[in-house]
Amino acid sequence: MTQERATEKIHEKLLFALESARMRFSVAIAMEAKSTPRKRWEYYLETTNYMGRFIKRLRNADCHVQMDSRCWGPALEKLRMLPDQGKASRLCELLRNIVAELE
């Protein structure tokens, strides 16, 4: 497999994992909505928007040139290790760190 094809494959997997994690985070937010203080809830929404902007950039065809794909593998592994059902606060922290590392 060529380096370019390998990068494409991990790119697709990373996009899928980020979108899945964002959806899981949204579900966790919704489950805790009634007991979450407004400031915390706004921070969660800011995080989902932050992830959304990053996912959009990652989908961009030029991102292969602009982004270092060497960190994609470790990030993908961290996304796979996310708890299936977790507190929104913990998911928020983990996801922010992962996206920050990717940027």
Protein backbone atom coordinates (compact mmCIF):
# COMPACT_ATOMS: atom_id res chain seq x y z
CA MET A 1 0.00 0.00 0.00
CA THR A 2 1.38 3.39 -0.91
CA GLN A 3 1.96 6.08 1.70
CA GLU A 4 -0.72 8.23 0.08
CA ARG A 5 -3.30 5.41 0.22
CA ALA A 6 -2.39 4.64 3.85
CA THR A 7 -2.90 8.32 4.74
CA GLU A 8 -6.27 8.30 2.95
CA LYS A 9 -7.37 5.21 4.86
CA ILE A 10 -6.47 6.60 8.29
CA HIS A 11 -8.01 9.94 7.28
CA GLU A 12 -11.34 8.21 6.64
CA LYS A 13 -11.13 6.26 9.90
CA LEU A 14 -10.25 9.39 11.85
CA LEU A 15 -13.18 11.31 10.36
CA PHE A 16 -15.57 8.49 11.23
CA ALA A 17 -14.19 8.19 14.78
CA LEU A 18 -14.42 11.95 15.38
CA GLU A 19 -17.99 12.11 14.08
CA SER A 20 -18.97 9.11 16.21
CA ALA A 21 -17.34 10.61 19.30
CA ARG A 22 -19.08 13.92 18.70
CA MET A 23 -22.41 12.12 18.47
CA ARG A 24 -21.72 10.16 21.67
CA PHE A 25 -20.80 13.41 23.40
CA SER A 26 -24.07 15.01 22.20
CA VAL A 27 -26.03 12.09 23.63
CA ALA A 28 -24.21 12.41 26.96
CA ILE A 29 -24.99 16.14 27.02
CA ALA A 30 -28.66 15.47 26.35
CA MET A 31 -28.86 12.84 29.08
CA GLU A 32 -27.44 15.29 31.62
CA ALA A 33 -29.19 18.42 30.32
CA LYS A 34 -31.54 18.91 33.26
CA SER A 35 -28.82 18.63 35.88
CA THR A 36 -26.15 20.63 34.05
CA PRO A 37 -25.54 24.27 35.03
CA ARG A 38 -25.95 26.75 32.18
CA LYS A 39 -22.24 27.71 32.02
CA ARG A 40 -21.18 24.06 31.80
CA TRP A 41 -23.84 23.38 29.15
CA GLU A 42 -22.55 26.31 27.08
CA TYR A 43 -19.01 24.94 27.41
CA TYR A 44 -20.24 21.57 26.12
CA LEU A 45 -21.88 23.25 23.13
CA GLU A 46 -18.70 25.20 22.47
CA THR A 47 -16.82 21.89 22.45
CA THR A 48 -19.22 20.30 19.95
CA ASN A 49 -18.85 23.38 17.73
CA TYR A 50 -15.05 23.21 18.09
CA MET A 51 -15.12 19.58 17.03
CA GLY A 52 -17.48 20.38 14.16
CA ARG A 53 -15.16 23.06 12.81
CA PHE A 54 -12.21 20.69 13.04
CA ILE A 55 -14.11 17.87 11.30
CA LYS A 56 -15.04 20.30 8.53
CA ARG A 57 -11.38 21.28 8.10
CA LEU A 58 -10.37 17.63 8.09
CA ARG A 59 -12.84 16.93 5.30
CA ASN A 60 -11.26 19.71 3.24
CA ALA A 61 -9.13 18.32 0.43
CA ASP A 62 -6.23 20.69 1.25
CA CYS A 63 -5.92 19.51 4.84
CA HIS A 64 -3.50 16.73 3.87
CA VAL A 65 -0.96 19.41 3.06
CA GLN A 66 -1.69 21.60 6.09
CA MET A 67 -1.94 18.95 8.82
CA ASP A 68 0.63 16.55 10.21
CA SER A 69 -0.85 13.11 9.60
CA ARG A 70 1.66 11.43 11.96
CA CYS A 71 -0.50 12.32 14.97
CA TRP A 72 -3.63 10.80 13.39
CA GLY A 73 -2.81 7.24 14.46
CA PRO A 74 -2.41 8.04 18.18
CA ALA A 75 -5.52 10.25 18.06
CA LEU A 76 -7.51 7.48 16.42
CA GLU A 77 -6.42 5.08 19.15
CA LYS A 78 -7.49 7.56 21.86
CA LEU A 79 -10.88 7.94 20.17
CA ARG A 80 -11.29 4.17 20.14
CA MET A 81 -10.51 4.07 23.87
CA LEU A 82 -13.27 6.54 24.80
CA PRO A 83 -15.78 5.08 27.24
CA ASP A 84 -19.01 3.92 25.62
CA GLN A 85 -21.09 5.63 28.24
CA GLY A 86 -19.44 8.35 30.18
CA LYS A 87 -20.16 11.58 31.89
CA ALA A 88 -20.36 14.51 29.55
CA SER A 89 -17.73 16.38 31.56
CA ARG A 90 -15.17 13.59 31.10
CA LEU A 91 -15.94 13.16 27.41
CA CYS A 92 -15.65 16.92 26.95
CA GLU A 93 -12.21 16.97 28.51
CA LEU A 94 -10.97 13.98 26.50
CA LEU A 95 -12.35 15.22 23.18
CA ARG A 96 -10.96 18.73 23.61
CA ASN A 97 -7.52 17.28 24.29
CA ILE A 98 -7.66 14.98 21.26
CA VAL A 99 -8.73 17.73 18.88
CA ALA A 100 -6.13 20.12 20.33
CA GLU A 101 -3.41 17.53 19.68
CA LEU A 102 -4.60 17.11 16.11
CA GLU A 103 -4.54 20.84 15.39
